[in-house]
Amino acid sequence: MTERQESVLRFIVSYIRRERRTPSTREIMRGSGLASTGAISYQLKELASKGFIKLTGKSRGIDVISNPFDESPVVPGTRLLRVVSGGVPAGALKPLPDLVEGSALIDQRFFKSKKDEELFLIRVAGDCMSGAGINIGDWVLVRPQSTANPGDLVIAVVEGEYTLKKFRTERGDVILEPANPAHKPIRVSKDKPKDFRILGRVVKALKDFE
């Protein structure tokens, strides 16, 4: 790959990750510093012949096939989220390692803003929130944050163990409320505080129907 081709490909990769779509020929021309759209067309054909991109023939028709700058995939219209290992028990407390076991590409239409790029995915391992439509095996999208409002669904850690519950307060105490009558709420007393913190707020659930 020549220096000009690297400049063009770097711009394409950066543009897709920033704008969530493929740049036009003129945008590539301005971004890479080349003098004409003809020069861009030539460099794109060269990149395609070397297997770095695929040209579809459509407007903005560029697919990045090989990204030599890092290992993250480059797909317009999607976002790359971390997948946290293990599963959050929506029920009795259970330890969960703070590890990222992989990543997942999620369609951009699931998100409201670029702030949602910090979201991560956790798989639910219990039935405590079944009354809220969150069942065993569902995936939840979690926005990292340390605070919550009453009624928020949160990922919380209590005494070193993790759980998914609805957050509310009662006379200064924190109540982590299940949505299944078979489970009891968890109370964090203001007078006898436990090791308690909120790790994030659940913003969306992804479900299978099979």
Protein backbone atom coordinates (compact mmCIF):
# COMPACT_ATOMS: atom_id res chain seq x y z
CA MET A 1 0.00 0.00 0.00
CA THR A 2 1.44 3.35 -1.04
CA GLU A 3 1.41 6.44 1.19
CA ARG A 4 -1.47 7.94 -0.84
CA GLN A 5 -3.48 4.74 -0.61
CA GLU A 6 -2.85 4.59 3.15
CA SER A 7 -4.03 8.20 3.49
CA VAL A 8 -7.23 7.42 1.58
CA LEU A 9 -7.95 4.23 3.53
CA ARG A 10 -7.25 5.89 6.89
CA PHE A 11 -9.72 8.63 6.04
CA ILE A 12 -12.39 6.11 4.98
CA VAL A 13 -11.99 4.10 8.21
CA SER A 14 -12.06 7.24 10.36
CA TYR A 15 -15.08 8.66 8.53
CA ILE A 16 -17.14 5.46 8.84
CA ARG A 17 -16.48 5.22 12.58
CA ARG A 18 -17.33 8.88 13.12
CA GLU A 19 -20.33 9.30 10.79
CA ARG A 20 -21.65 5.69 10.68
CA ARG A 21 -21.76 5.78 6.87
CA THR A 22 -19.32 5.58 3.96
CA PRO A 23 -17.83 8.85 2.62
CA SER A 24 -18.49 10.15 -0.88
CA THR A 25 -15.70 10.54 -3.43
CA ARG A 26 -15.57 14.31 -2.86
CA GLU A 27 -15.44 13.87 0.91
CA ILE A 28 -12.53 11.45 0.49
CA MET A 29 -10.82 13.98 -1.82
CA ARG A 30 -11.10 16.75 0.78
CA GLY A 31 -10.15 14.48 3.67
CA SER A 32 -7.12 12.86 2.08
CA GLY A 33 -5.69 15.92 0.37
CA LEU A 34 -5.80 14.62 -3.21
CA ALA A 35 -6.51 17.12 -5.98
CA SER A 36 -9.33 15.52 -7.96
CA THR A 37 -12.11 12.94 -7.86
CA GLY A 38 -10.30 11.13 -10.68
CA ALA A 39 -7.28 10.67 -8.45
CA ILE A 40 -9.53 9.30 -5.71
CA SER A 41 -11.21 6.87 -8.13
CA TYR A 42 -7.79 5.57 -9.18
CA GLN A 43 -6.63 5.06 -5.58
CA LEU A 44 -9.90 3.33 -4.67
CA LYS A 45 -9.48 0.90 -7.57
CA GLU A 46 -5.92 0.20 -6.44
CA LEU A 47 -7.08 -0.44 -2.86
CA ALA A 48 -9.78 -2.75 -4.20
CA SER A 49 -7.29 -4.69 -6.33
CA LYS A 50 -5.11 -5.22 -3.26
CA GLY A 51 -8.02 -6.56 -1.20
CA PHE A 52 -8.40 -3.70 1.28
CA ILE A 53 -11.84 -2.55 0.07
CA LYS A 54 -14.68 -3.69 -2.18
CA LEU A 55 -16.37 -1.28 -4.59
CA THR A 56 -20.09 -2.01 -5.03
CA GLY A 57 -20.74 0.44 -7.87
CA LYS A 58 -23.36 2.34 -5.85
CA SER A 59 -23.21 5.84 -4.35
CA ARG A 60 -20.88 5.68 -1.35
CA GLY A 61 -20.42 2.03 -2.33
CA ILE A 62 -17.26 1.15 -0.42
CA ASP A 63 -16.96 -1.85 1.91
CA VAL A 64 -13.80 -2.08 4.01
CA ILE A 65 -12.63 -5.70 3.70
CA SER A 66 -9.24 -5.51 5.44
CA ASN A 67 -8.37 -2.91 8.09
CA PRO A 68 -4.57 -2.91 8.59
CA PHE A 69 -4.57 -0.18 11.23
CA ASP A 70 -6.24 -2.11 14.08
CA GLU A 71 -8.31 -5.27 14.60
CA SER A 72 -11.72 -3.61 15.00
CA PRO A 73 -14.16 -4.28 12.16
CA VAL A 74 -15.32 -1.31 10.11
CA VAL A 75 -19.02 -1.62 9.23
CA PRO A 76 -21.17 1.44 8.46
CA GLY A 77 -24.51 1.47 10.27
CA THR A 78 -23.29 -0.61 13.22
CA ARG A 79 -21.60 -0.04 16.54
CA LEU A 80 -19.09 -2.28 18.28
CA LEU A 81 -20.05 -3.05 21.89
CA ARG A 82 -18.21 -4.90 24.63
CA VAL A 83 -19.72 -8.16 25.83
CA VAL A 84 -19.13 -8.73 29.54
CA SER A 85 -18.37 -12.32 30.45
CA GLY A 86 -20.65 -14.45 32.56
CA GLY A 87 -24.20 -13.28 33.16
CA VAL A 88 -26.01 -11.06 35.60
CA PRO A 89 -28.36 -13.14 37.74
CA ALA A 90 -31.74 -11.42 37.78
CA GLY A 91 -32.44 -13.22 41.03
CA ALA A 92 -30.18 -14.23 43.90
CA LEU A 93 -26.84 -12.47 44.04
CA LYS A 94 -23.96 -14.19 42.32
CA PRO A 95 -20.34 -13.15 41.63
CA LEU A 96 -19.63 -11.89 38.12
CA PRO A 97 -16.08 -11.30 36.86
CA ASP A 98 -15.40 -7.80 35.52
CA LEU A 99 -14.09 -9.14 32.24
CA VAL A 100 -14.81 -8.40 28.62
CA GLU A 101 -15.08 -11.69 26.80
CA GLY A 102 -15.70 -10.34 23.32
CA SER A 103 -17.59 -7.83 21.23
CA ALA A 104 -20.76 -7.59 19.19
CA LEU A 105 -21.86 -5.49 16.24
CA ILE A 106 -25.25 -3.89 16.91
CA ASP A 107 -27.36 -2.03 14.36
CA GLN A 108 -27.08 1.71 14.87
CA ARG A 109 -30.87 2.11 14.93
CA PHE A 110 -30.90 0.69 18.46
CA PHE A 111 -29.15 3.83 19.72
CA LYS A 112 -30.30 7.36 20.32
CA SER A 113 -26.99 9.25 20.40
CA LYS A 114 -23.22 8.90 20.09
CA LYS A 115 -23.08 8.74 23.90
CA ASP A 116 -24.47 5.23 23.58
CA GLU A 117 -21.11 4.08 22.21
CA GLU A 118 -20.13 3.35 25.83
CA LEU A 119 -22.93 0.80 26.23
CA PHE A 120 -22.03 -2.80 26.95
CA LEU A 121 -23.93 -6.09 26.71
CA ILE A 122 -24.67 -8.57 29.52
CA ARG A 123 -26.66 -11.78 29.29
CA VAL A 124 -29.35 -12.34 31.94
CA ALA A 125 -28.98 -15.56 33.95
CA GLY A 126 -32.06 -15.53 36.20
CA ASP A 127 -35.84 -14.98 36.26
CA CYS A 128 -36.10 -12.27 38.90
CA MET A 129 -37.10 -9.62 36.33
CA SER A 130 -39.48 -11.82 34.32
CA GLY A 131 -42.40 -9.60 35.31
CA ALA A 132 -40.66 -6.74 33.49
CA GLY A 133 -40.28 -8.85 30.36
CA ILE A 134 -36.61 -9.67 30.95
CA ASN A 135 -36.05 -13.41 31.00
CA ILE A 136 -33.23 -15.92 31.26
CA GLY A 137 -31.00 -15.71 28.20
CA ASP A 138 -32.01 -12.18 27.20
CA TRP A 139 -29.29 -9.65 26.50
CA VAL A 140 -29.46 -6.21 28.11
CA LEU A 141 -27.76 -3.06 26.91
CA VAL A 142 -26.24 -1.21 29.86
CA ARG A 143 -25.05 2.41 30.01
CA PRO A 144 -22.22 2.79 32.55
CA GLN A 145 -23.20 5.21 35.32
CA SER A 146 -22.98 5.37 39.09
CA THR A 147 -26.38 6.98 39.83
CA ALA A 148 -30.01 6.06 39.18
CA ASN A 149 -33.51 7.45 39.50
CA PRO A 150 -36.42 5.58 41.11
CA GLY A 151 -37.82 3.07 38.63
CA ASP A 152 -34.58 2.61 36.69
CA LEU A 153 -33.40 -0.92 35.98
CA VAL A 154 -29.80 -1.12 37.16
CA ILE A 155 -26.82 -3.41 37.30
CA ALA A 156 -25.66 -3.13 40.91
CA VAL A 157 -22.97 -4.73 43.02
CA VAL A 158 -23.70 -5.54 46.68
CA GLU A 159 -20.94 -6.99 48.86
CA GLY A 160 -18.93 -7.86 45.78
CA GLU A 161 -21.79 -9.63 43.97
CA TYR A 162 -23.80 -8.46 40.96
CA THR A 163 -27.51 -8.29 40.29
CA LEU A 164 -30.09 -6.80 37.94
CA LYS A 165 -33.00 -5.10 39.73
CA LYS A 166 -35.31 -2.10 39.71
CA PHE A 167 -33.91 0.78 41.79
CA ARG A 168 -35.95 2.72 44.35
CA THR A 169 -35.48 4.33 47.74
CA GLU A 170 -37.47 4.11 50.97
CA ARG A 171 -36.78 6.45 53.91
CA GLY A 172 -33.18 6.81 52.82
CA ASP A 173 -32.59 3.10 52.23
CA VAL A 174 -31.89 1.73 48.76
CA ILE A 175 -34.29 -1.00 47.65
CA LEU A 176 -33.35 -3.28 44.77
CA GLU A 177 -36.73 -4.59 43.67
CA PRO A 178 -37.37 -7.80 41.69
CA ALA A 179 -40.23 -8.08 39.19
CA ASN A 180 -41.06 -11.65 40.17
CA PRO A 181 -42.94 -12.35 43.45
CA ALA A 182 -40.89 -15.52 43.95
CA HIS A 183 -37.88 -13.33 44.80
CA LYS A 184 -37.32 -10.91 47.66
CA PRO A 185 -36.05 -7.35 47.37
CA ILE A 186 -32.57 -6.43 48.52
CA ARG A 187 -32.39 -3.60 51.05
CA VAL A 188 -29.28 -1.49 51.53
CA SER A 189 -29.79 0.35 54.83
CA LYS A 190 -28.50 3.88 55.25
CA ASP A 191 -27.77 3.03 58.91
CA LYS A 192 -25.86 -0.17 58.17
CA PRO A 193 -24.42 0.49 54.73
CA LYS A 194 -23.12 -2.41 52.71
CA ASP A 195 -20.53 -2.36 49.96
CA PHE A 196 -22.99 -1.10 47.36
CA ARG A 197 -22.61 0.71 44.07
CA ILE A 198 -24.43 1.07 40.78
CA LEU A 199 -22.47 0.03 37.71
CA GLY A 200 -24.96 1.02 35.03
CA ARG A 201 -28.55 1.51 33.90
CA VAL A 202 -30.31 -0.91 31.59
CA VAL A 203 -31.57 0.98 28.54
CA LYS A 204 -32.77 -1.82 26.28
CA ALA A 205 -33.33 -5.60 26.23
CA LEU A 206 -32.63 -7.82 23.22
CA LYS A 207 -34.74 -10.96 23.09
CA ASP A 208 -35.02 -14.26 21.31
CA PHE A 209 -38.48 -15.73 20.66
CA GLU A 210 -37.40 -19.30 20.02
